Amino acid sequence: MKLTAAQKQKRYRENLKRKGRHNTMKAKNRERMQNFRSKLSDFQREQYRNHDAAARKRARAASKHQSKRAQSSLFEELKESTDDKKVLLQVDYTENFTMDQQDAIQSAYWNTRMLSIFTAHAWCGANNYSFALVSDNVTHDKYCVAVCLNNIITKLKQYLPDLEEIVFFSDGAASQFKQRYLLQNMTRMMVEHTLKLSWNFFATSHGKGVVDAIGGMVKRMVWQEIMTKKQCRSATDFVCIAKTKTNTIILDEISQTEIDVAKLSLEQLFMATNSVKDTQKLHSVIAIRSDVIECRIYGDSTSKWTVFF
């Protein structure tokens, strides 16, 4: 079979590595490029720089477009293939809710507290479930996420006794989801709940969906009640008010005690967590067994690599 130019170049590099001349060739190429650039005029050097920057920008845009299409297609395919054994679960944090009061005095502006709302929507074939987990803790950190995920998985197992697999989908927020700590904890949850778990990430700025509507709806309903002079001063009050307005969204409170317990059990584990190669590039992760994951750039990509925590 005839090799392409890229395959020939790859084979050439591999041969250099085997012969121990790879670093020497890199040094020669670097020196040659430095000599070439030193002979350029200021105008030519600026043109050369602009050309490189434009090429890098085009490459990033092409990569983002490809990941957007691949992950969006996978998401739609998974929605069609769900049932009571395989669930697609999209999760996200909605914007924090500010606990204002009707007819508040001006100084109340400086003492306003906020709540965090973790939203999720599960596609389960004929039945779908929406979740909104409210907490006074607004850090959105790895411990809060761990508690919220465990809460939702436990509820789904109650609603779906035959549940075998959950496929998570979220945006790529590094502070919340796209991080080594969540990926390692996913392998632990797989063992704890005896389920197949995997996690997929949407392309950057393309993670909007049903979860955003859930968060907006819950906040709007509670805000309308506050405007009738209902008091909302804590997560408990928020959940109580919201439950009187809807029975289609499953509401629950995540207490600080639950978060503290999770931190106590996971802190030592996370301190020893190894980094994951190309974390910001990957868009699909499968939990293989405890502390082992399989990563792909896209959900349907054939190339993959394994990470041991």
Protein backbone atom coordinates (compact mmCIF):
# COMPACT_ATOMS: atom_id res chain seq x y z
CA MET A 1 0.00 0.00 0.00
CA LYS A 2 1.33 3.43 -0.95
CA LEU A 3 2.17 5.61 2.04
CA THR A 4 0.92 9.17 2.32
CA ALA A 5 3.32 12.06 2.89
CA ALA A 6 2.30 12.25 6.56
CA GLN A 7 2.91 8.51 7.04
CA LYS A 8 6.34 8.78 5.38
CA GLN A 9 7.25 11.68 7.65
CA LYS A 10 6.11 9.75 10.73
CA ARG A 11 8.15 6.70 9.71
CA TYR A 12 11.18 8.93 9.11
CA ARG A 13 10.88 10.39 12.62
CA GLU A 14 10.51 6.94 14.16
CA ASN A 15 13.66 5.75 12.37
CA LEU A 16 15.57 8.76 13.69
CA LYS A 17 14.39 8.00 17.22
CA ARG A 18 15.50 4.38 16.93
CA LYS A 19 18.95 5.47 15.75
CA GLY A 20 19.23 8.07 18.52
CA ARG A 21 19.49 10.98 16.09
CA HIS A 22 16.11 12.56 16.70
CA ASN A 23 17.35 15.27 19.11
CA THR A 24 20.32 16.03 16.85
CA MET A 25 18.01 16.60 13.87
CA LYS A 26 15.72 18.80 15.97
CA ALA A 27 18.71 20.92 17.02
CA LYS A 28 19.85 21.27 13.38
CA ASN A 29 16.36 22.28 12.26
CA ARG A 30 16.14 24.82 15.07
CA GLU A 31 19.51 26.31 14.11
CA ARG A 32 18.55 26.45 10.44
CA MET A 33 15.30 28.28 11.23
CA GLN A 34 17.11 30.76 13.49
CA ASN A 35 19.59 31.52 10.69
CA PHE A 36 16.75 31.93 8.22
CA ARG A 37 14.84 34.34 10.48
CA SER A 38 17.93 36.39 11.29
CA LYS A 39 18.25 37.29 7.59
CA LEU A 40 14.68 38.57 7.32
CA SER A 41 13.89 42.27 7.28
CA ASP A 42 11.57 43.70 9.95
CA PHE A 43 8.70 43.75 7.46
CA GLN A 44 9.31 40.14 6.37
CA ARG A 45 9.65 39.03 10.00
CA GLU A 46 6.29 40.64 10.85
CA GLN A 47 4.66 38.95 7.84
CA TYR A 48 6.15 35.61 8.87
CA ARG A 49 4.80 36.04 12.42
CA ASN A 50 1.34 37.01 11.19
CA HIS A 51 1.26 34.01 8.85
CA ASP A 52 2.15 31.65 11.71
CA ALA A 53 -0.48 33.19 13.99
CA ALA A 54 -3.16 32.95 11.28
CA ALA A 55 -2.27 29.32 10.60
CA ARG A 56 -2.51 28.45 14.31
CA LYS A 57 -5.84 30.26 14.57
CA ARG A 58 -7.25 28.35 11.58
CA ALA A 59 -6.07 25.05 13.05
CA ARG A 60 -7.75 25.80 16.40
CA ALA A 61 -10.99 26.82 14.68
CA ALA A 62 -11.01 23.65 12.56
CA SER A 63 -10.37 21.48 15.61
CA LYS A 64 -13.14 23.18 17.60
CA HIS A 65 -15.61 22.85 14.71
CA GLN A 66 -14.79 19.14 14.37
CA SER A 67 -15.22 18.49 18.10
CA LYS A 68 -18.48 20.46 18.13
CA ARG A 69 -19.96 18.38 15.31
CA ALA A 70 -18.67 15.06 16.66
CA GLN A 71 -19.93 15.59 20.22
CA SER A 72 -23.29 17.05 19.14
CA SER A 73 -23.91 14.07 16.85
CA LEU A 74 -22.96 11.64 19.62
CA PHE A 75 -25.29 13.42 22.07
CA GLU A 76 -28.26 13.14 19.69
CA GLU A 77 -27.51 9.47 18.96
CA LEU A 78 -27.33 8.64 22.67
CA LYS A 79 -30.67 10.34 23.34
CA GLU A 80 -32.32 8.00 20.85
CA SER A 81 -30.73 4.86 22.32
CA THR A 82 -31.65 5.32 25.99
CA ASP A 83 -33.95 3.03 27.97
CA ASP A 84 -34.45 1.91 31.58
CA LYS A 85 -31.01 0.23 31.51
CA LYS A 86 -28.96 2.92 29.78
CA VAL A 87 -29.36 6.58 30.80
CA LEU A 88 -27.99 9.78 29.28
CA LEU A 89 -27.44 12.40 31.98
CA GLN A 90 -26.58 16.03 31.20
CA VAL A 91 -25.36 18.05 34.18
CA ASP A 92 -24.36 21.66 34.84
CA TYR A 93 -24.27 24.39 37.45
CA THR A 94 -26.70 27.19 36.76
CA GLU A 95 -25.84 30.78 37.68
CA ASN A 96 -26.01 31.34 41.45
CA PHE A 97 -29.36 32.55 42.80
CA THR A 98 -29.31 35.82 44.75
CA MET A 99 -31.63 35.79 47.77
CA ASP A 100 -33.20 39.24 47.59
CA GLN A 101 -36.30 40.41 49.41
CA GLN A 102 -39.32 42.37 48.31
CA ASP A 103 -39.22 45.97 49.59
CA ALA A 104 -35.67 45.53 50.94
CA ILE A 105 -33.87 48.59 52.27
CA GLN A 106 -30.84 49.92 50.38
CA SER A 107 -28.23 48.56 52.83
CA ALA A 108 -29.52 45.00 52.22
CA TYR A 109 -27.72 45.11 48.85
CA TRP A 110 -24.37 44.75 50.64
CA ASN A 111 -25.48 41.73 52.68
CA THR A 112 -27.13 39.65 49.98
CA ARG A 113 -26.41 35.92 50.11
CA MET A 114 -26.41 33.47 47.20
CA LEU A 115 -27.29 29.83 46.56
CA SER A 116 -25.79 27.36 44.10
CA ILE A 117 -28.06 25.17 41.96
CA PHE A 118 -26.77 21.97 40.36
CA THR A 119 -29.08 20.96 37.52
CA ALA A 120 -29.38 17.68 35.63
CA HIS A 121 -31.66 16.01 33.11
CA ALA A 122 -31.82 12.25 32.53
CA TRP A 123 -33.05 10.68 29.29
CA CYS A 124 -34.32 7.17 30.12
CA GLY A 125 -36.26 6.13 27.04
CA ALA A 126 -39.96 6.79 27.64
CA ASN A 127 -39.39 8.54 30.98
CA ASN A 128 -37.22 11.58 31.61
CA TYR A 129 -36.20 13.07 34.95
CA SER A 130 -35.13 16.62 35.81
CA PHE A 131 -33.12 17.48 38.93
CA ALA A 132 -32.25 20.68 40.78
CA LEU A 133 -29.99 20.34 43.83
CA VAL A 134 -29.72 23.50 45.92
CA SER A 135 -26.95 24.36 48.37
CA ASP A 136 -25.79 27.26 50.54
CA ASN A 137 -22.24 26.36 49.45
CA VAL A 138 -21.40 28.31 46.29
CA THR A 139 -17.84 27.05 45.66
CA HIS A 140 -18.85 24.62 42.85
CA ASP A 141 -15.72 22.62 43.70
CA LYS A 142 -14.91 18.93 43.22
CA TYR A 143 -16.41 17.93 46.58
CA CYS A 144 -19.74 19.65 45.86
CA VAL A 145 -19.86 18.00 42.43
CA ALA A 146 -19.12 14.57 43.97
CA VAL A 147 -22.01 14.92 46.45
CA CYS A 148 -24.43 16.07 43.74
CA LEU A 149 -23.51 13.22 41.40
CA ASN A 150 -23.90 10.62 44.14
CA ASN A 151 -27.28 12.09 45.06
CA ILE A 152 -28.56 11.87 41.48
CA ILE A 153 -27.15 8.38 40.83
CA THR A 154 -28.79 7.09 44.02
CA LYS A 155 -32.15 8.54 42.97
CA LEU A 156 -31.89 7.13 39.44
CA LYS A 157 -31.20 3.66 40.86
CA GLN A 158 -34.40 3.98 42.91
CA TYR A 159 -36.47 5.06 39.90
CA LEU A 160 -34.84 2.55 37.51
CA PRO A 161 -34.11 -0.77 39.30
CA ASP A 162 -32.64 -2.30 36.11
CA LEU A 163 -30.19 0.56 35.54
CA GLU A 164 -26.82 -0.65 34.19
CA GLU A 165 -25.12 2.34 32.53
CA ILE A 166 -25.01 6.13 32.80
CA VAL A 167 -23.42 8.33 30.13
CA PHE A 168 -22.68 11.81 31.48
CA PHE A 169 -22.56 14.92 29.31
CA SER A 170 -21.42 18.36 30.45
CA ASP A 171 -19.57 21.46 29.32
CA GLY A 172 -15.79 21.60 29.66
CA ALA A 173 -15.54 23.81 32.76
CA ALA A 174 -12.16 22.88 34.27
CA SER A 175 -13.11 24.08 37.76
CA GLN A 176 -16.16 21.79 37.89
CA PHE A 177 -16.03 18.84 35.48
CA LYS A 178 -13.08 18.65 33.09
CA GLN A 179 -10.45 17.76 35.68
CA ARG A 180 -8.49 14.74 36.89
CA TYR A 181 -10.27 14.65 40.27
CA LEU A 182 -13.73 14.13 38.80
CA LEU A 183 -12.41 11.52 36.36
CA GLN A 184 -10.76 9.50 39.13
CA ASN A 185 -13.81 9.83 41.36
CA MET A 186 -15.97 8.56 38.48
CA THR A 187 -14.07 5.25 38.60
CA ARG A 188 -14.76 5.01 42.34
CA MET A 189 -18.48 5.74 41.82
CA MET A 190 -18.56 3.03 39.15
CA VAL A 191 -17.40 0.47 41.73
CA GLU A 192 -19.58 1.87 44.52
CA HIS A 193 -22.80 1.84 42.47
CA THR A 194 -21.89 -1.18 40.26
CA LEU A 195 -22.69 0.75 37.08
CA LYS A 196 -20.93 1.42 33.78
CA LEU A 197 -19.99 5.10 33.78
CA SER A 198 -18.57 7.34 31.08
CA TRP A 199 -18.23 11.11 30.65
CA ASN A 200 -18.44 13.22 27.51
CA PHE A 201 -17.73 16.93 27.12
CA PHE A 202 -19.30 19.33 24.66
CA ALA A 203 -17.03 21.59 22.61
CA THR A 204 -16.15 24.94 24.18
CA SER A 205 -19.16 27.31 24.35
CA HIS A 206 -21.51 24.61 23.01
CA GLY A 207 -22.76 23.09 26.30
CA LYS A 208 -26.18 24.73 26.48
CA GLY A 209 -29.21 22.49 26.78
CA VAL A 210 -32.18 21.38 28.87
CA VAL A 211 -30.25 21.89 32.11
CA ASP A 212 -30.12 25.65 31.52
CA ALA A 213 -33.90 25.73 31.17
CA ILE A 214 -34.30 23.76 34.42
CA GLY A 215 -32.18 26.24 36.34
CA GLY A 216 -33.93 29.24 34.83
CA MET A 217 -37.39 27.81 35.49
CA VAL A 218 -36.72 26.99 39.16
CA LYS A 219 -35.18 30.41 39.85
CA ARG A 220 -38.05 32.19 38.11
CA MET A 221 -40.70 30.33 40.12
CA VAL A 222 -39.00 31.11 43.44
CA TRP A 223 -38.38 34.73 42.46
CA GLN A 224 -42.06 35.21 41.64
CA GLU A 225 -42.93 33.98 45.13
CA ILE A 226 -40.35 36.32 46.69
CA MET A 227 -42.06 39.19 44.86
CA THR A 228 -45.24 38.27 46.79
CA LYS A 229 -43.20 38.77 50.02
CA LYS A 230 -42.34 35.10 50.62
CA GLN A 231 -39.12 34.74 52.63
CA CYS A 232 -36.17 32.88 51.05
CA ARG A 233 -33.10 33.06 53.25
CA SER A 234 -31.52 29.63 52.80
CA ALA A 235 -31.37 26.58 50.54
CA THR A 236 -34.05 24.97 52.72
CA ASP A 237 -36.44 27.87 52.08
CA PHE A 238 -35.67 27.78 48.34
CA VAL A 239 -36.46 24.05 48.08
CA CYS A 240 -39.67 24.40 50.10
CA ILE A 241 -40.94 27.24 47.91
CA ALA A 242 -39.96 25.50 44.65
CA LYS A 243 -41.69 22.25 45.66
CA THR A 244 -44.98 24.09 46.02
CA LYS A 245 -44.68 25.37 42.45
CA THR A 246 -43.59 22.27 40.49
CA ASN A 247 -43.82 18.51 40.65
CA THR A 248 -41.95 17.82 37.41
CA ILE A 249 -38.51 18.81 38.72
CA ILE A 250 -36.98 16.69 41.48
CA LEU A 251 -35.69 19.14 44.09
CA ASP A 252 -33.35 18.43 46.98
CA GLU A 253 -31.02 20.30 49.31
CA ILE A 254 -27.29 19.55 49.54
CA SER A 255 -26.20 20.39 53.08
CA GLN A 256 -22.78 21.60 54.15
CA THR A 257 -22.49 18.48 56.33
CA GLU A 258 -22.73 16.23 53.25
CA ILE A 259 -20.03 18.26 51.51
CA ASP A 260 -17.76 18.11 54.58
CA VAL A 261 -18.16 14.32 54.79
CA ALA A 262 -17.28 13.99 51.08
CA LYS A 263 -14.24 16.20 51.54
CA LEU A 264 -13.08 14.11 54.50
CA SER A 265 -13.30 10.87 52.49
CA LEU A 266 -11.89 12.20 49.20
CA GLU A 267 -9.23 14.70 50.24
CA GLN A 268 -6.46 12.15 50.75
CA LEU A 269 -7.38 10.40 47.49
CA PHE A 270 -7.26 13.64 45.49
CA MET A 271 -3.90 14.66 46.96
CA ALA A 272 -2.31 11.65 45.22
CA THR A 273 -4.26 11.93 41.94
CA ASN A 274 -2.06 11.76 38.84
CA SER A 275 -2.52 14.21 35.98
CA VAL A 276 -4.35 13.19 32.81
CA LYS A 277 -2.58 13.67 29.49
CA ASP A 278 -4.23 16.27 27.21
CA THR A 279 -7.07 16.93 29.66
CA GLN A 280 -8.27 20.03 27.80
CA LYS A 281 -8.19 18.28 24.40
CA LEU A 282 -10.11 15.12 25.31
CA HIS A 283 -13.92 14.99 25.00
CA SER A 284 -14.70 11.40 25.99
CA VAL A 285 -13.70 9.32 29.03
CA ILE A 286 -14.76 5.79 30.00
CA ALA A 287 -14.26 4.34 33.48
CA ILE A 288 -12.59 0.92 33.04
CA ARG A 289 -12.08 -0.09 36.67
CA SER A 290 -11.10 1.58 39.92
CA ASP A 291 -8.50 4.30 39.21
CA VAL A 292 -8.27 3.45 35.48
CA ILE A 293 -9.86 5.41 32.62
CA GLU A 294 -9.80 5.27 28.83
CA CYS A 295 -9.62 8.64 27.03
CA ARG A 296 -10.52 9.72 23.50
CA ILE A 297 -10.37 13.06 21.72
CA TYR A 298 -13.98 12.50 20.53
CA GLY A 299 -16.62 9.99 21.52
CA ASP A 300 -16.39 8.07 18.22
CA SER A 301 -12.60 8.36 17.85
CA THR A 302 -10.66 5.13 17.23
CA SER A 303 -7.44 6.40 18.83
CA LYS A 304 -7.40 6.21 22.62
CA TRP A 305 -5.06 6.16 25.60
CA THR A 306 -5.32 4.71 29.09
CA VAL A 307 -4.64 6.63 32.31
CA PHE A 308 -3.77 5.01 35.64
CA PHE A 309 -4.34 7.22 38.69
